[in-house]
Amino acid sequence: MIVEQVVENKTNYKEDKLSEKPIRSIVKSISWRVVGTIDTILISWIITGQVKTAFSIGAIELVTKMLLYFFHERVWNSIKWGKK
């Protein structure tokens, strides 16, 4: 969907460019996940006492939450409520 918008330069992508480009959402997703994953690893390590388990949990969480955040951000970017 987003790739099609970029490649085909669709009208809804032109409108979307005025608010926030998809690449911005990608970079925000990555930076937020780095912070969130470090937090998850530390909490998992404290709870389990096992570094290997903590990193395993962090690795899974990194991927799933980055994808969820990206799509959540794109949906909210399309909602006009609260924008000027």
Protein backbone atom coordinates (compact mmCIF):
# COMPACT_ATOMS: atom_id res chain seq x y z
CA MET A 1 0.00 0.00 0.00
CA ILE A 2 2.60 2.59 1.01
CA VAL A 3 5.07 1.32 -1.59
CA GLU A 4 2.38 1.70 -4.26
CA GLN A 5 1.76 5.27 -3.11
CA VAL A 6 5.45 6.13 -3.37
CA VAL A 7 6.01 4.40 -6.70
CA GLU A 8 2.79 5.47 -8.39
CA ASN A 9 2.63 8.94 -6.76
CA LYS A 10 -1.08 8.56 -6.01
CA THR A 11 -3.22 11.52 -4.96
CA ASN A 12 -3.67 10.29 -1.40
CA TYR A 13 0.12 10.07 -1.05
CA LYS A 14 0.44 13.68 -2.20
CA GLU A 15 -1.99 14.69 0.52
CA ASP A 16 -0.14 12.51 3.03
CA LYS A 17 3.18 14.19 2.15
CA LEU A 18 1.85 17.43 3.59
CA SER A 19 1.46 15.88 7.03
CA GLU A 20 4.15 13.24 7.41
CA LYS A 21 6.09 11.06 5.00
CA PRO A 22 6.13 7.28 5.52
CA ILE A 23 9.94 7.33 5.91
CA ARG A 24 9.51 9.59 8.94
CA SER A 25 7.23 7.00 10.50
CA ILE A 26 9.81 4.30 9.77
CA VAL A 27 12.62 6.26 11.45
CA LYS A 28 10.39 7.09 14.42
CA SER A 29 9.44 3.42 14.70
CA ILE A 30 13.07 2.33 14.77
CA SER A 31 14.20 4.93 17.30
CA TRP A 32 11.27 4.24 19.61
CA ARG A 33 11.81 0.48 19.39
CA VAL A 34 15.47 0.80 20.35
CA VAL A 35 14.41 2.58 23.55
CA GLY A 36 11.51 0.19 24.16
CA THR A 37 13.59 -2.93 23.52
CA ILE A 38 16.33 -1.85 25.90
CA ASP A 39 13.62 -1.35 28.52
CA THR A 40 12.10 -4.77 27.81
CA ILE A 41 15.49 -6.50 27.99
CA LEU A 42 16.30 -4.87 31.32
CA ILE A 43 12.91 -5.72 32.83
CA SER A 44 13.10 -9.29 31.50
CA TRP A 45 16.60 -9.68 32.94
CA ILE A 46 15.48 -8.38 36.34
CA ILE A 47 12.46 -10.70 36.41
CA THR A 48 14.09 -13.86 35.00
CA GLY A 49 17.67 -13.31 36.12
CA GLN A 50 18.78 -14.73 32.76
CA VAL A 51 20.46 -12.56 30.16
CA LYS A 52 19.85 -15.04 27.33
CA THR A 53 16.11 -15.17 28.04
CA ALA A 54 15.98 -11.36 28.35
CA PHE A 55 17.61 -10.90 24.93
CA SER A 56 15.30 -13.51 23.38
CA ILE A 57 12.25 -11.68 24.66
CA GLY A 58 13.71 -8.36 23.50
CA ALA A 59 14.43 -9.67 20.00
CA ILE A 60 10.89 -10.91 19.47
CA GLU A 61 9.40 -7.76 20.95
CA LEU A 62 11.60 -5.56 18.75
CA VAL A 63 10.14 -6.89 15.52
CA THR A 64 6.49 -7.22 16.53
CA LYS A 65 6.17 -3.85 18.20
CA MET A 66 7.99 -1.99 15.43
CA LEU A 67 5.51 -3.31 12.89
CA LEU A 68 2.55 -2.55 15.14
CA TYR A 69 3.82 0.98 15.80
CA PHE A 70 4.38 1.72 12.10
CA PHE A 71 0.84 0.76 11.14
CA HIS A 72 -0.61 2.50 14.20
CA GLU A 73 1.26 5.69 13.21
CA ARG A 74 0.07 5.51 9.60
CA VAL A 75 -3.57 5.06 10.67
CA TRP A 76 -3.34 8.04 13.05
CA ASN A 77 -1.70 10.11 10.32
CA SER A 78 -4.78 9.61 8.16
CA ILE A 79 -7.16 10.80 10.93
CA LYS A 80 -7.87 14.51 10.67
CA TRP A 81 -8.95 14.92 14.32
CA GLY A 82 -6.59 17.19 16.24
CA LYS A 83 -4.73 18.45 13.16
CA LYS A 84 -4.75 22.01 11.92
